[in-house]
Amino acid sequence: MSRRELVVLGTASQVPTRHRNHNGYLLLWDGEGLLFDPGEGTQRQLLYAGVSAGSITHVCVTHFHGDHCLGLPGVVQRINLDRPPHPFTVHYPASGQVYFERLRHASAFHETVPLLPDPISASGVLEASGAPFELRAVRLSHPVESFGYRLTEPDGRRLLPERLAAHGIAGPLVGELQRLGTVTAPDGRTVALEQVSEVRRGQSAAFVMDTRLCPGVAELADGVDLLVIEATFLEADARLAEEHGHLTAAQAARTAAEAGVRTLVLTHFSQRYPDLEGHLTEARQHFDGELVVAEDLARVPVPRRR
């Protein structure tokens, strides 16, 4: 059975804690697995989460600070050890090419699975290797070049059995109608797909890591079903957040509310906050939808279709 859910592998920012591993987020989307920002220990967290590294089809690195990329060597080598029957693509800022090369070849190993590098130099649609969604990168604002990612499934159509029956369409004619868009019914009438179906809205998810508020944050969040966003600081430390290129829980929540987000996942917490009640309280003041303060190894389902 296909599944669409977020597997949280780590929720710490620069410094991990006893209870929070460095960053790592795996979005399972039917047969695709998108791994975002693998920090140190990601390979082991995958094991704890009960997810195979072979499920990874895309690795999306937002930027090349260590807590977002130092797990890449282990992930790459584990994928080559497991030998899944498909290549995997690594998307990353082109300005960090030298870091990508160092991480990719951090130690000797036997390459058995094709790795497809995809350096990003500007906002835009990325090559998703035939995946049933559009993957877009959007520039953010951080001391080093950083991009957020947005996955958008195109709208489809849902067949309505009662309308099919009313037009006498059944069996092979159903498949023909889906392929061609029109079909000749048993009574000789031409029936269009639109007559026997309704729009099935595509789902979407966005990942916004290290950034201060900027137009890219709102662009990524606009109307998404699932928003995973950094909330490194609380409002009391808003000055620090701005200086270091981060968001507060309140800023993340206001962004989600203004964008019409359905499920908001806060993550990337500073070690200065051993208790995250403040993040929950602060975010709830601005966002009244489904709110998750992420914990390591949590699973968050993509909301059901509207």
Protein backbone atom coordinates (compact mmCIF):
# COMPACT_ATOMS: atom_id res chain seq x y z
CA MET A 1 0.00 0.00 0.00
CA SER A 2 1.31 3.45 -0.88
CA ARG A 3 1.98 5.84 1.97
CA ARG A 4 2.72 9.49 2.37
CA GLU A 5 4.30 10.45 5.67
CA LEU A 6 7.16 12.34 7.22
CA VAL A 7 9.68 10.34 9.26
CA VAL A 8 11.55 12.69 11.60
CA LEU A 9 15.12 11.47 12.03
CA GLY A 10 16.55 14.41 13.98
CA THR A 11 15.40 17.75 15.36
CA ALA A 12 18.49 19.49 16.78
CA SER A 13 20.11 22.55 15.28
CA GLN A 14 23.85 23.16 15.46
CA VAL A 15 24.46 21.10 18.59
CA PRO A 16 22.76 17.72 19.18
CA THR A 17 21.50 16.86 22.66
CA ARG A 18 20.86 13.66 24.60
CA HIS A 19 17.34 13.58 23.15
CA ARG A 20 17.76 15.24 19.76
CA ASN A 21 19.89 13.99 16.91
CA HIS A 22 21.15 16.35 14.26
CA ASN A 23 18.75 17.16 11.42
CA GLY A 24 17.23 14.52 9.18
CA TYR A 25 13.78 14.25 7.59
CA LEU A 26 12.57 11.51 5.28
CA LEU A 27 9.40 12.16 3.31
CA LEU A 28 7.91 8.91 2.06
CA TRP A 29 5.71 9.63 -0.95
CA ASP A 30 4.29 6.46 -2.48
CA GLY A 31 7.34 4.82 -4.08
CA GLU A 32 9.63 7.81 -3.60
CA GLY A 33 11.76 8.69 -0.58
CA LEU A 34 13.05 12.24 -0.20
CA LEU A 35 15.73 12.66 2.46
CA PHE A 36 16.20 16.26 3.57
CA ASP A 37 19.35 17.57 5.29
CA PRO A 38 21.05 14.43 6.60
CA GLY A 39 23.07 15.51 9.63
CA GLU A 40 25.43 13.31 11.63
CA GLY A 41 23.92 10.02 12.69
CA THR A 42 21.25 9.91 9.98
CA GLN A 43 22.17 6.37 8.93
CA ARG A 44 21.63 5.10 12.48
CA GLN A 45 18.41 7.07 12.87
CA LEU A 46 17.07 5.38 9.75
CA LEU A 47 17.71 2.07 11.48
CA TYR A 48 15.90 3.19 14.64
CA ALA A 49 12.99 4.42 12.52
CA GLY A 50 12.74 1.10 10.73
CA VAL A 51 13.27 2.62 7.29
CA SER A 52 15.59 1.22 4.66
CA ALA A 53 18.20 3.47 3.09
CA GLY A 54 17.20 1.79 -0.16
CA SER A 55 13.92 3.70 -0.04
CA ILE A 56 15.76 6.98 -0.68
CA THR A 57 15.39 8.27 -4.24
CA HIS A 58 16.28 11.94 -3.62
CA VAL A 59 18.56 13.66 -1.14
CA CYS A 60 17.82 17.38 -0.76
CA VAL A 61 20.48 19.46 0.98
CA THR A 62 19.37 22.99 1.84
CA HIS A 63 22.86 24.30 2.59
CA PHE A 64 26.32 23.19 3.62
CA HIS A 65 26.45 23.87 7.33
CA GLY A 66 27.55 20.70 9.10
CA ASP A 67 24.33 19.94 10.97
CA HIS A 68 22.56 19.68 7.61
CA CYS A 69 25.03 17.62 5.58
CA LEU A 70 27.65 15.72 7.61
CA GLY A 71 25.53 12.57 7.50
CA LEU A 72 25.67 12.50 3.71
CA PRO A 73 28.79 10.28 3.43
CA GLY A 74 27.23 7.55 5.57
CA VAL A 75 23.93 7.72 3.69
CA VAL A 76 25.63 7.55 0.29
CA GLN A 77 27.77 4.60 1.32
CA ARG A 78 24.85 2.77 2.96
CA ILE A 79 22.78 3.11 -0.22
CA ASN A 80 25.67 1.62 -2.19
CA LEU A 81 25.95 -1.20 0.34
CA ASP A 82 22.24 -2.03 0.13
CA ARG A 83 22.21 -1.80 -3.70
CA PRO A 84 18.62 -0.72 -4.41
CA PRO A 85 17.58 -1.21 -8.06
CA HIS A 86 17.33 2.50 -8.80
CA PRO A 87 19.64 5.54 -8.92
CA PHE A 88 19.30 8.43 -6.48
CA THR A 89 19.62 12.16 -7.06
CA VAL A 90 21.32 14.61 -4.71
CA HIS A 91 20.07 18.20 -4.97
CA TYR A 92 22.27 20.87 -3.34
CA PRO A 93 23.40 24.51 -3.73
CA ALA A 94 25.88 24.79 -6.59
CA SER A 95 28.01 27.19 -4.55
CA GLY A 96 28.81 24.25 -2.25
CA GLN A 97 30.14 22.00 -5.00
CA VAL A 98 33.50 21.59 -3.27
CA TYR A 99 31.78 20.46 -0.07
CA PHE A 100 29.54 18.06 -1.96
CA GLU A 101 32.57 16.43 -3.60
CA ARG A 102 34.35 16.08 -0.27
CA LEU A 103 31.29 14.53 1.37
CA ARG A 104 30.53 12.22 -1.54
CA HIS A 105 34.08 10.86 -1.53
CA ALA A 106 34.82 11.17 2.19
CA SER A 107 36.30 7.66 2.30
CA ALA A 108 36.93 4.65 0.11
CA PHE A 109 33.91 2.55 -0.86
CA HIS A 110 32.63 0.52 -3.77
CA GLU A 111 30.09 2.43 -5.87
CA THR A 112 27.28 0.16 -6.98
CA VAL A 113 24.37 2.60 -7.37
CA PRO A 114 24.35 5.61 -9.73
CA LEU A 115 24.37 8.93 -7.89
CA LEU A 116 22.99 11.81 -9.98
CA PRO A 117 24.28 15.21 -8.78
CA ASP A 118 21.92 18.16 -9.26
CA PRO A 119 23.64 21.43 -8.26
CA ILE A 120 21.16 24.31 -7.85
CA SER A 121 22.15 27.82 -8.87
CA ALA A 122 18.75 29.55 -8.85
CA SER A 123 15.15 29.08 -7.76
CA GLY A 124 13.12 26.87 -10.07
CA VAL A 125 11.82 23.41 -10.92
CA LEU A 126 14.28 20.55 -10.43
CA GLU A 127 14.70 17.34 -12.37
CA ALA A 128 12.71 14.73 -10.44
CA SER A 129 13.57 11.69 -12.61
CA GLY A 130 10.03 10.83 -13.64
CA ALA A 131 8.56 11.15 -10.14
CA PRO A 132 4.79 11.83 -10.00
CA PHE A 133 5.31 15.32 -8.57
CA GLU A 134 7.05 18.61 -9.24
CA LEU A 135 10.06 19.39 -7.05
CA ARG A 136 10.99 23.05 -6.78
CA ALA A 137 13.86 24.84 -5.04
CA VAL A 138 13.43 28.36 -3.68
CA ARG A 139 16.22 30.62 -2.46
CA LEU A 140 16.23 31.51 1.25
CA SER A 141 18.24 33.96 3.40
CA HIS A 142 21.06 32.55 5.52
CA PRO A 143 24.75 33.43 6.00
CA VAL A 144 25.58 30.77 3.38
CA GLU A 145 23.56 30.06 0.25
CA SER A 146 20.45 28.12 1.20
CA PHE A 147 17.44 26.75 -0.67
CA GLY A 148 14.12 25.42 0.55
CA TYR A 149 12.22 22.69 -1.29
CA ARG A 150 8.59 22.26 -2.27
CA LEU A 151 6.96 19.09 -3.59
CA THR A 152 3.70 19.56 -5.50
CA GLU A 153 1.56 16.79 -6.93
CA PRO A 154 -0.43 17.86 -10.02
CA ASP A 155 -4.20 17.80 -9.82
CA GLY A 156 -5.83 14.64 -11.16
CA ARG A 157 -9.36 13.36 -11.61
CA ARG A 158 -11.40 10.94 -9.52
CA LEU A 159 -13.84 8.70 -11.39
CA LEU A 160 -17.41 8.69 -10.05
CA PRO A 161 -18.95 5.19 -10.24
CA GLU A 162 -22.54 6.44 -10.37
CA ARG A 163 -21.80 8.63 -13.40
CA LEU A 164 -19.92 5.83 -15.15
CA ALA A 165 -22.91 3.56 -14.62
CA ALA A 166 -25.33 6.19 -15.88
CA HIS A 167 -23.41 6.35 -19.16
CA GLY A 168 -23.03 2.58 -19.39
CA ILE A 169 -19.25 2.70 -19.15
CA ALA A 170 -17.62 -0.33 -17.56
CA GLY A 171 -14.78 -2.81 -18.03
CA PRO A 172 -12.15 -1.95 -20.67
CA LEU A 173 -14.01 1.25 -21.60
CA VAL A 174 -13.00 2.76 -18.23
CA GLY A 175 -9.30 2.35 -18.97
CA GLU A 176 -9.76 3.67 -22.49
CA LEU A 177 -11.53 6.74 -21.13
CA GLN A 178 -8.68 7.41 -18.69
CA ARG A 179 -6.06 7.05 -21.42
CA LEU A 180 -7.78 9.00 -24.19
CA GLY A 181 -10.02 11.44 -22.36
CA THR A 182 -13.09 10.46 -24.38
CA VAL A 183 -14.80 7.19 -25.24
CA THR A 184 -17.82 6.00 -27.23
CA ALA A 185 -20.47 4.62 -24.87
CA PRO A 186 -22.53 1.50 -25.76
CA ASP A 187 -25.43 3.73 -26.90
CA GLY A 188 -23.17 5.55 -29.36
CA ARG A 189 -22.74 8.76 -27.41
CA THR A 190 -19.31 10.30 -26.90
CA VAL A 191 -18.49 10.66 -23.22
CA ALA A 192 -15.69 12.91 -21.94
CA LEU A 193 -13.68 12.19 -18.82
CA GLU A 194 -14.92 15.43 -17.24
CA GLN A 195 -18.52 14.14 -17.43
CA VAL A 196 -17.87 11.13 -15.20
CA SER A 197 -15.20 12.44 -12.80
CA GLU A 198 -14.31 15.28 -10.48
CA VAL A 199 -11.06 17.10 -9.78
CA ARG A 200 -8.78 15.37 -7.30
CA ARG A 201 -6.58 18.05 -5.84
CA GLY A 202 -2.89 17.23 -5.68
CA GLN A 203 -1.09 17.22 -2.34
CA SER A 204 1.96 19.27 -1.42
CA ALA A 205 4.74 19.53 1.15
CA ALA A 206 7.47 22.09 1.80
CA PHE A 207 10.74 22.15 3.75
CA VAL A 208 12.06 25.45 5.07
CA MET A 209 15.32 25.13 6.93
CA ASP A 210 17.89 27.71 8.06
CA THR A 211 16.64 31.13 7.02
CA ARG A 212 15.48 34.45 8.35
CA LEU A 213 12.14 35.76 7.10
CA CYS A 214 12.29 36.46 3.36
CA PRO A 215 9.97 36.17 0.32
CA GLY A 216 11.11 32.59 -0.27
CA VAL A 217 9.63 31.42 3.03
CA ALA A 218 6.14 32.58 2.06
CA GLU A 219 6.52 31.18 -1.47
CA LEU A 220 7.39 27.74 -0.18
CA ALA A 221 4.64 27.69 2.43
CA ASP A 222 1.82 29.00 0.23
CA GLY A 223 -1.15 26.64 0.64
CA VAL A 224 0.86 23.48 1.35
CA ASP A 225 -0.66 20.50 3.10
CA LEU A 226 2.50 19.84 5.15
CA LEU A 227 5.07 22.46 6.13
CA VAL A 228 8.26 21.38 7.90
CA ILE A 229 9.97 24.54 9.08
CA GLU A 230 12.78 25.54 11.37
CA ALA A 231 11.91 27.23 14.67
CA THR A 232 15.37 27.54 16.15
CA PHE A 233 14.54 30.33 18.61
CA LEU A 234 11.70 31.84 20.63
CA GLU A 235 10.56 35.46 20.23
CA ALA A 236 12.56 36.49 23.30
CA ASP A 237 15.65 35.69 21.22
CA ALA A 238 14.39 37.22 17.97
CA ARG A 239 17.48 39.41 17.68
CA LEU A 240 19.72 36.34 17.74
CA ALA A 241 17.48 34.66 15.16
CA GLU A 242 17.84 37.59 12.77
CA GLU A 243 21.60 37.87 13.27
CA HIS A 244 22.22 34.18 12.60
CA GLY A 245 19.67 33.76 9.84
CA HIS A 246 16.99 31.77 11.66
CA LEU A 247 13.29 31.86 12.50
CA THR A 248 11.42 31.95 15.78
CA ALA A 249 8.48 29.68 16.56
CA ALA A 250 6.16 32.69 16.34
CA GLN A 251 7.50 33.68 12.91
CA ALA A 252 7.11 30.13 11.61
CA ALA A 253 3.55 29.90 12.95
CA ARG A 254 2.51 33.29 11.56
CA THR A 255 3.91 32.30 8.18
CA ALA A 256 1.91 29.06 8.25
CA ALA A 257 -1.29 30.81 9.26
CA GLU A 258 -0.97 33.47 6.55
CA ALA A 259 -0.14 30.81 3.94
CA GLY A 260 -3.09 28.54 4.75
CA VAL A 261 -0.92 25.58 5.78
CA ARG A 262 -2.84 22.51 6.98
CA THR A 263 -0.22 20.70 9.10
CA LEU A 264 2.69 22.64 10.60
CA VAL A 265 5.79 20.80 11.85
CA LEU A 266 8.26 22.84 13.89
CA THR A 267 11.83 21.57 14.19
CA HIS A 268 15.57 22.49 14.29
CA PHE A 269 15.62 23.56 17.93
CA SER A 270 18.52 25.29 19.64
CA GLN A 271 20.17 23.47 22.54
CA ARG A 272 19.30 26.49 24.73
CA TYR A 273 15.74 25.14 25.02
CA PRO A 274 15.70 21.82 26.91
CA ASP A 275 11.91 22.12 27.17
CA LEU A 276 9.88 22.87 24.03
CA GLU A 277 6.67 23.92 25.77
CA GLY A 278 7.56 27.49 24.92
CA HIS A 279 7.66 26.67 21.21
CA LEU A 280 4.25 25.02 21.40
CA THR A 281 2.70 27.89 23.36
CA GLU A 282 4.23 30.56 21.14
CA ALA A 283 3.19 28.85 17.91
CA ARG A 284 -0.35 28.15 19.11
CA GLN A 285 -0.90 31.88 19.63
CA HIS A 286 -0.68 32.33 15.86
CA PHE A 287 -1.63 29.00 14.24
CA ASP A 288 -4.80 27.04 14.98
CA GLY A 289 -4.37 24.18 12.52
CA GLU A 290 -2.68 20.81 13.06
CA LEU A 291 0.54 21.64 14.92
CA VAL A 292 3.43 19.28 15.62
CA VAL A 293 6.50 20.13 17.69
CA ALA A 294 8.74 17.50 16.17
CA GLU A 295 10.45 14.79 18.19
CA ASP A 296 13.10 12.38 16.95
CA LEU A 297 11.64 9.27 15.27
CA ALA A 298 8.13 10.73 15.13
CA ARG A 299 5.97 9.99 12.10
CA VAL A 300 3.66 12.65 10.72
CA PRO A 301 1.14 11.70 8.04
CA VAL A 302 0.54 13.97 5.09
CA PRO A 303 -3.02 15.31 5.64
CA ARG A 304 -5.81 13.59 3.73
CA ARG A 305 -6.81 15.20 0.47
CA ARG A 306 -9.11 18.18 0.80
